[in-house]
Amino acid sequence: PKGDYTVNYINENSIIGIDISHYQKKINWSEVKKWRNHDIKFIYIKASEGSTGTGSKDPLYKQNIEEARKHGFLVGSYHYFRSSSSAESQFKNFISHIKHQKQDLIPMVDVEENKYLSKEEYRETLTEFLILLESHFNRKPLIYSETSFYNQYLAHYFPNYKILIGFYNLDYNNIYMKDNKEWTAWQFSEQGNVKGINTNVD
């Protein structure tokens, strides 16, 4: 969906957040306050991806998390999980990049790509990564995935983890998770318009 569409079930009691990365480029943080009439309460900020290559560390992470905190948002960091890298190398990349940045939210793992592993291998590698994060932070991370990827790779295998589910139908009653898991948060759009950010946001 694009443009000024209506999202069902978003009301005055909804807690609204966004996620950002270097794809949003330079942000005018003094203007970032609301999505439509809703105050933005929290922001997940991309820190890393995989473990190697030029894109393995988000170049705007430090600036984004410091500015977001300075402007009063609750912040958390996320890692884009790659099937091309080991769990340990990705863990080290993520931890080394976030360093001592204060986190208000549990870490998030963005899970939406598998080009190199069987389903069993993928689940084993992801499980190892999640355990490393849990050991480091002393709490279970949040998993982000879109419904199709979740149902193909994650359903029935990660019952003890909270899920941020990506589903752009605009009515959460239509979310289908084949293991009937209860999701914790709903990413309802990738076309959000927020003053101060020149690109669309999730």
C-alpha atoms as a PDB file:
ATOM      1  CA  PRO A   1       0.000   0.000   0.000  1.00  0.00           C
ATOM      2  CA  LYS A   2       1.187   3.487  -0.821  1.00  0.00           C
ATOM      3  CA  GLY A   3       0.019   6.953   0.005  1.00  0.00           C
ATOM      4  CA  ASP A   4      -2.361   8.140   2.696  1.00  0.00           C
ATOM      5  CA  TYR A   5      -4.174   4.858   3.278  1.00  0.00           C
ATOM      6  CA  THR A   6      -6.252   3.844   6.299  1.00  0.00           C
ATOM      7  CA  VAL A   7      -4.831   1.259   8.691  1.00  0.00           C
ATOM      8  CA  ASN A   8      -7.488  -0.719  10.525  1.00  0.00           C
ATOM      9  CA  TYR A   9      -7.175  -1.133  14.287  1.00  0.00           C
ATOM     10  CA  ILE A  10      -4.665   1.673  14.802  1.00  0.00           C
ATOM     11  CA  ASN A  11      -6.169   3.929  17.465  1.00  0.00           C
ATOM     12  CA  GLU A  12      -5.284   6.263  20.322  1.00  0.00           C
ATOM     13  CA  ASN A  13      -4.123   3.305  22.431  1.00  0.00           C
ATOM     14  CA  SER A  14      -1.687   1.984  19.833  1.00  0.00           C
ATOM     15  CA  ILE A  15       2.042   2.211  20.604  1.00  0.00           C
ATOM     16  CA  ILE A  16       3.735   3.363  17.400  1.00  0.00           C
ATOM     17  CA  GLY A  17       7.380   2.783  16.502  1.00  0.00           C
ATOM     18  CA  ILE A  18       9.576   2.807  13.404  1.00  0.00           C
ATOM     19  CA  ASP A  19      12.772   1.157  12.270  1.00  0.00           C
ATOM     20  CA  ILE A  20      15.582   2.964  10.507  1.00  0.00           C
ATOM     21  CA  SER A  21      18.957   2.349   8.909  1.00  0.00           C
ATOM     22  CA  HIS A  22      21.360   4.144   6.582  1.00  0.00           C
ATOM     23  CA  TYR A  23      18.712   3.757   3.859  1.00  0.00           C
ATOM     24  CA  GLN A  24      16.860   6.659   5.501  1.00  0.00           C
ATOM     25  CA  LYS A  25      19.999   8.775   4.937  1.00  0.00           C
ATOM     26  CA  LYS A  26      20.370  11.984   6.955  1.00  0.00           C
ATOM     27  CA  ILE A  27      17.461  12.498   9.324  1.00  0.00           C
ATOM     28  CA  ASN A  28      16.263  15.843  10.685  1.00  0.00           C
ATOM     29  CA  TRP A  29      15.746  14.582  14.205  1.00  0.00           C
ATOM     30  CA  SER A  30      14.189  17.775  15.544  1.00  0.00           C
ATOM     31  CA  GLU A  31      11.196  17.139  13.249  1.00  0.00           C
ATOM     32  CA  VAL A  32      10.731  13.428  13.960  1.00  0.00           C
ATOM     33  CA  LYS A  33       7.821  13.280  16.358  1.00  0.00           C
ATOM     34  CA  LYS A  34       4.729  11.648  14.902  1.00  0.00           C
ATOM     35  CA  TRP A  35       3.290   9.252  12.365  1.00  0.00           C
ATOM     36  CA  ARG A  36       0.075  11.020  11.411  1.00  0.00           C
ATOM     37  CA  ASN A  37      -1.446  12.012  14.753  1.00  0.00           C
ATOM     38  CA  HIS A  38       0.331   9.318  16.761  1.00  0.00           C
ATOM     39  CA  ASP A  39       3.421  10.012  18.829  1.00  0.00           C
ATOM     40  CA  ILE A  40       6.361   7.812  17.858  1.00  0.00           C
ATOM     41  CA  LYS A  41       7.406   6.048  21.061  1.00  0.00           C
ATOM     42  CA  PHE A  42      10.245   3.746  20.022  1.00  0.00           C
ATOM     43  CA  ILE A  43      12.790   3.222  17.255  1.00  0.00           C
ATOM     44  CA  TYR A  44      14.677   0.102  16.236  1.00  0.00           C
ATOM     45  CA  ILE A  45      17.972   1.024  14.579  1.00  0.00           C
ATOM     46  CA  LYS A  46      19.965  -1.213  12.265  1.00  0.00           C
ATOM     47  CA  ALA A  47      23.445  -1.931  13.584  1.00  0.00           C
ATOM     48  CA  SER A  48      24.794  -4.730  11.418  1.00  0.00           C
ATOM     49  CA  GLU A  49      24.207  -7.327   8.715  1.00  0.00           C
ATOM     50  CA  GLY A  50      25.922 -10.675   8.336  1.00  0.00           C
ATOM     51  CA  SER A  51      29.587 -10.492   9.270  1.00  0.00           C
ATOM     52  CA  THR A  52      31.647  -9.475   6.246  1.00  0.00           C
ATOM     53  CA  GLY A  53      31.655  -6.926   3.454  1.00  0.00           C
ATOM     54  CA  THR A  54      31.077  -3.207   3.192  1.00  0.00           C
ATOM     55  CA  GLY A  55      27.498  -3.436   4.443  1.00  0.00           C
ATOM     56  CA  SER A  56      28.232  -5.526   7.518  1.00  0.00           C
ATOM     57  CA  LYS A  57      28.162  -2.467   9.796  1.00  0.00           C
ATOM     58  CA  ASP A  58      25.561   0.233   9.286  1.00  0.00           C
ATOM     59  CA  PRO A  59      27.549   3.471   8.799  1.00  0.00           C
ATOM     60  CA  LEU A  60      24.872   5.666  10.401  1.00  0.00           C
ATOM     61  CA  TYR A  61      24.166   3.458  13.417  1.00  0.00           C
ATOM     62  CA  LYS A  62      26.101   5.432  16.019  1.00  0.00           C
ATOM     63  CA  GLN A  63      24.733   8.758  14.806  1.00  0.00           C
ATOM     64  CA  ASN A  64      21.170   7.433  14.613  1.00  0.00           C
ATOM     65  CA  ILE A  65      21.054   5.848  18.052  1.00  0.00           C
ATOM     66  CA  GLU A  66      22.646   8.829  19.769  1.00  0.00           C
ATOM     67  CA  GLU A  67      20.290  11.295  18.064  1.00  0.00           C
ATOM     68  CA  ALA A  68      17.218   9.134  18.724  1.00  0.00           C
ATOM     69  CA  ARG A  69      18.051   8.904  22.422  1.00  0.00           C
ATOM     70  CA  LYS A  70      18.801  12.637  22.587  1.00  0.00           C
ATOM     71  CA  HIS A  71      15.350  13.365  21.175  1.00  0.00           C
ATOM     72  CA  GLY A  72      13.559  11.206  23.727  1.00  0.00           C
ATOM     73  CA  PHE A  73      12.829   7.960  21.906  1.00  0.00           C
ATOM     74  CA  LEU A  74      13.165   4.497  23.390  1.00  0.00           C
ATOM     75  CA  VAL A  75      15.761   2.723  21.253  1.00  0.00           C
ATOM     76  CA  GLY A  76      16.850  -0.774  20.374  1.00  0.00           C
ATOM     77  CA  SER A  77      19.333  -2.231  17.894  1.00  0.00           C
ATOM     78  CA  TYR A  78      18.860  -4.921  15.300  1.00  0.00           C
ATOM     79  CA  HIS A  79      20.966  -7.255  13.199  1.00  0.00           C
ATOM     80  CA  TYR A  80      20.042  -8.482   9.714  1.00  0.00           C
ATOM     81  CA  PHE A  81      20.712 -12.220   9.843  1.00  0.00           C
ATOM     82  CA  ARG A  82      22.530 -13.686   6.815  1.00  0.00           C
ATOM     83  CA  SER A  83      22.700 -17.372   5.873  1.00  0.00           C
ATOM     84  CA  SER A  84      26.150 -16.781   4.345  1.00  0.00           C
ATOM     85  CA  SER A  85      27.868 -16.220   7.718  1.00  0.00           C
ATOM     86  CA  SER A  86      28.283 -18.286  10.861  1.00  0.00           C
ATOM     87  CA  ALA A  87      26.286 -17.508  13.967  1.00  0.00           C
ATOM     88  CA  GLU A  88      29.400 -16.672  15.970  1.00  0.00           C
ATOM     89  CA  SER A  89      30.833 -14.286  13.373  1.00  0.00           C
ATOM     90  CA  GLN A  90      27.514 -12.448  13.095  1.00  0.00           C
ATOM     91  CA  PHE A  91      27.241 -12.227  16.867  1.00  0.00           C
ATOM     92  CA  LYS A  92      30.726 -10.739  17.124  1.00  0.00           C
ATOM     93  CA  ASN A  93      29.945  -8.234  14.366  1.00  0.00           C
ATOM     94  CA  PHE A  94      26.730  -7.091  16.058  1.00  0.00           C
ATOM     95  CA  ILE A  95      28.212  -6.812  19.548  1.00  0.00           C
ATOM     96  CA  SER A  96      31.335  -5.012  18.382  1.00  0.00           C
ATOM     97  CA  HIS A  97      29.281  -2.407  16.528  1.00  0.00           C
ATOM     98  CA  ILE A  98      26.742  -1.583  19.227  1.00  0.00           C
ATOM     99  CA  LYS A  99      29.545  -1.565  21.833  1.00  0.00           C
ATOM    100  CA  HIS A 100      28.446   0.443  24.855  1.00  0.00           C
ATOM    101  CA  GLN A 101      25.407   2.153  23.340  1.00  0.00           C
ATOM    102  CA  LYS A 102      22.607   2.056  25.893  1.00  0.00           C
ATOM    103  CA  GLN A 103      19.637  -0.066  24.822  1.00  0.00           C
ATOM    104  CA  ASP A 104      16.080   0.490  26.060  1.00  0.00           C
ATOM    105  CA  LEU A 105      14.587  -2.374  24.043  1.00  0.00           C
ATOM    106  CA  ILE A 106      15.591  -6.008  23.715  1.00  0.00           C
ATOM    107  CA  PRO A 107      17.810  -6.665  20.671  1.00  0.00           C
ATOM    108  CA  MET A 108      16.044  -7.645  17.476  1.00  0.00           C
ATOM    109  CA  VAL A 109      17.069 -10.136  14.788  1.00  0.00           C
ATOM    110  CA  ASP A 110      15.806  -9.414  11.269  1.00  0.00           C
ATOM    111  CA  VAL A 111      15.123 -12.835   9.725  1.00  0.00           C
ATOM    112  CA  GLU A 112      14.046 -12.778   6.080  1.00  0.00           C
ATOM    113  CA  GLU A 113      16.828 -14.295   3.924  1.00  0.00           C
ATOM    114  CA  ASN A 114      18.089 -17.818   3.232  1.00  0.00           C
ATOM    115  CA  LYS A 115      20.125 -18.489   0.105  1.00  0.00           C
ATOM    116  CA  TYR A 116      22.664 -21.041   1.300  1.00  0.00           C
ATOM    117  CA  LEU A 117      21.256 -23.394   3.949  1.00  0.00           C
ATOM    118  CA  SER A 118      18.701 -26.148   4.204  1.00  0.00           C
ATOM    119  CA  LYS A 119      15.775 -25.411   6.483  1.00  0.00           C
ATOM    120  CA  GLU A 120      17.329 -27.541   9.213  1.00  0.00           C
ATOM    121  CA  GLU A 121      20.733 -25.865   8.869  1.00  0.00           C
ATOM    122  CA  TYR A 122      19.111 -22.441   8.844  1.00  0.00           C
ATOM    123  CA  ARG A 123      17.205 -23.122  12.048  1.00  0.00           C
ATOM    124  CA  GLU A 124      20.308 -24.522  13.738  1.00  0.00           C
ATOM    125  CA  THR A 125      22.427 -21.487  12.808  1.00  0.00           C
ATOM    126  CA  LEU A 126      19.700 -19.052  13.850  1.00  0.00           C
ATOM    127  CA  THR A 127      19.221 -20.897  17.143  1.00  0.00           C
ATOM    128  CA  GLU A 128      22.937 -20.622  17.863  1.00  0.00           C
ATOM    129  CA  PHE A 129      22.841 -16.881  17.136  1.00  0.00           C
ATOM    130  CA  LEU A 130      19.810 -16.350  19.380  1.00  0.00           C
ATOM    131  CA  ILE A 131      21.445 -18.250  22.245  1.00  0.00           C
ATOM    132  CA  LEU A 132      24.602 -16.145  21.944  1.00  0.00           C
ATOM    133  CA  LEU A 133      22.510 -12.981  22.115  1.00  0.00           C
ATOM    134  CA  GLU A 134      20.502 -14.233  25.068  1.00  0.00           C
ATOM    135  CA  SER A 135      23.661 -15.124  26.955  1.00  0.00           C
ATOM    136  CA  HIS A 136      25.151 -11.687  26.294  1.00  0.00           C
ATOM    137  CA  PHE A 137      22.065  -9.589  27.104  1.00  0.00           C
ATOM    138  CA  ASN A 138      20.565 -11.941  29.691  1.00  0.00           C
ATOM    139  CA  ARG A 139      17.236 -11.804  27.863  1.00  0.00           C
ATOM    140  CA  LYS A 140      15.752 -13.353  24.768  1.00  0.00           C
ATOM    141  CA  PRO A 141      15.912 -11.221  21.619  1.00  0.00           C
ATOM    142  CA  LEU A 142      12.916 -10.245  19.517  1.00  0.00           C
ATOM    143  CA  ILE A 143      12.607 -11.920  16.097  1.00  0.00           C
ATOM    144  CA  TYR A 144      11.361  -9.956  13.092  1.00  0.00           C
ATOM    145  CA  SER A 145      10.048 -11.829  10.073  1.00  0.00           C
ATOM    146  CA  GLU A 146       7.390 -11.431   7.410  1.00  0.00           C
ATOM    147  CA  THR A 147       4.555 -13.946   7.470  1.00  0.00           C
ATOM    148  CA  SER A 148       5.642 -15.943   4.410  1.00  0.00           C
ATOM    149  CA  PHE A 149       9.207 -16.414   5.662  1.00  0.00           C
ATOM    150  CA  TYR A 150       8.023 -17.133   9.181  1.00  0.00           C
ATOM    151  CA  ASN A 151       5.675 -19.853   7.994  1.00  0.00           C
ATOM    152  CA  GLN A 152       8.357 -21.423   5.792  1.00  0.00           C
ATOM    153  CA  TYR A 153      11.277 -21.442   8.242  1.00  0.00           C
ATOM    154  CA  LEU A 154      10.288 -20.534  11.797  1.00  0.00           C
ATOM    155  CA  ALA A 155       6.791 -21.834  12.521  1.00  0.00           C
ATOM    156  CA  HIS A 156       6.710 -24.466  15.316  1.00  0.00           C
ATOM    157  CA  TYR A 157      10.455 -24.088  16.041  1.00  0.00           C
ATOM    158  CA  PHE A 158      10.847 -20.883  18.116  1.00  0.00           C
ATOM    159  CA  PRO A 159       7.907 -20.921  20.551  1.00  0.00           C
ATOM    160  CA  ASN A 160       9.715 -19.072  23.351  1.00  0.00           C
ATOM    161  CA  TYR A 161      10.650 -15.974  21.368  1.00  0.00           C
ATOM    162  CA  LYS A 162       8.572 -12.846  20.864  1.00  0.00           C
ATOM    163  CA  ILE A 163       7.780 -12.050  17.236  1.00  0.00           C
ATOM    164  CA  LEU A 164       7.529  -8.753  15.374  1.00  0.00           C
ATOM    165  CA  ILE A 165       5.531  -9.858  12.361  1.00  0.00           C
ATOM    166  CA  GLY A 166       5.591  -8.081   9.018  1.00  0.00           C
ATOM    167  CA  PHE A 167       2.187  -8.137   7.317  1.00  0.00           C
ATOM    168  CA  TYR A 168       0.933  -5.350   5.064  1.00  0.00           C
ATOM    169  CA  ASN A 169      -2.735  -6.258   4.638  1.00  0.00           C
ATOM    170  CA  LEU A 170      -3.672  -3.424   7.061  1.00  0.00           C
ATOM    171  CA  ASP A 171      -5.924  -5.672   9.142  1.00  0.00           C
ATOM    172  CA  TYR A 172      -4.127  -7.769  11.733  1.00  0.00           C
ATOM    173  CA  ASN A 173      -7.050 -10.179  11.925  1.00  0.00           C
ATOM    174  CA  ASN A 174      -5.841 -11.510   8.572  1.00  0.00           C
ATOM    175  CA  ILE A 175      -2.350 -12.381   9.843  1.00  0.00           C
ATOM    176  CA  TYR A 176      -1.782 -16.090   9.285  1.00  0.00           C
ATOM    177  CA  MET A 177       0.887 -17.879  11.318  1.00  0.00           C
ATOM    178  CA  LYS A 178       0.528 -21.592  10.725  1.00  0.00           C
ATOM    179  CA  ASP A 179       1.593 -22.523  14.252  1.00  0.00           C
ATOM    180  CA  ASN A 180      -1.001 -20.105  15.685  1.00  0.00           C
ATOM    181  CA  LYS A 181       1.679 -18.249  17.609  1.00  0.00           C
ATOM    182  CA  GLU A 182       0.660 -14.956  19.176  1.00  0.00           C
ATOM    183  CA  TRP A 183       2.736 -12.122  17.756  1.00  0.00           C
ATOM    184  CA  THR A 184       4.002  -9.323  20.003  1.00  0.00           C
ATOM    185  CA  ALA A 185       4.214  -6.420  17.536  1.00  0.00           C
ATOM    186  CA  TRP A 186       2.891  -5.817  14.027  1.00  0.00           C
ATOM    187  CA  GLN A 187       4.807  -4.105  11.226  1.00  0.00           C
ATOM    188  CA  PHE A 188       1.845  -2.917   9.208  1.00  0.00           C
ATOM    189  CA  SER A 189       3.589  -0.929   6.470  1.00  0.00           C
ATOM    190  CA  GLU A 190       6.877  -0.238   4.729  1.00  0.00           C
ATOM    191  CA  GLN A 191       5.502   2.983   3.263  1.00  0.00           C
ATOM    192  CA  GLY A 192       5.271   5.150   6.372  1.00  0.00           C
ATOM    193  CA  ASN A 193       5.676   8.911   5.981  1.00  0.00           C
ATOM    194  CA  VAL A 194       7.326  10.669   8.917  1.00  0.00           C
ATOM    195  CA  LYS A 195       8.256  14.356   8.969  1.00  0.00           C
ATOM    196  CA  GLY A 196      12.018  14.772   9.167  1.00  0.00           C
ATOM    197  CA  ILE A 197      12.703  11.573   7.208  1.00  0.00           C
ATOM    198  CA  ASN A 198      12.864  11.940   3.430  1.00  0.00           C
ATOM    199  CA  THR A 199      12.323   8.256   2.609  1.00  0.00           C
ATOM    200  CA  ASN A 200       9.541   5.827   3.533  1.00  0.00           C
ATOM    201  CA  VAL A 201       9.947   3.968   6.814  1.00  0.00           C
ATOM    202  CA  ASP A 202       8.687   0.695   8.307  1.00  0.00           C
END
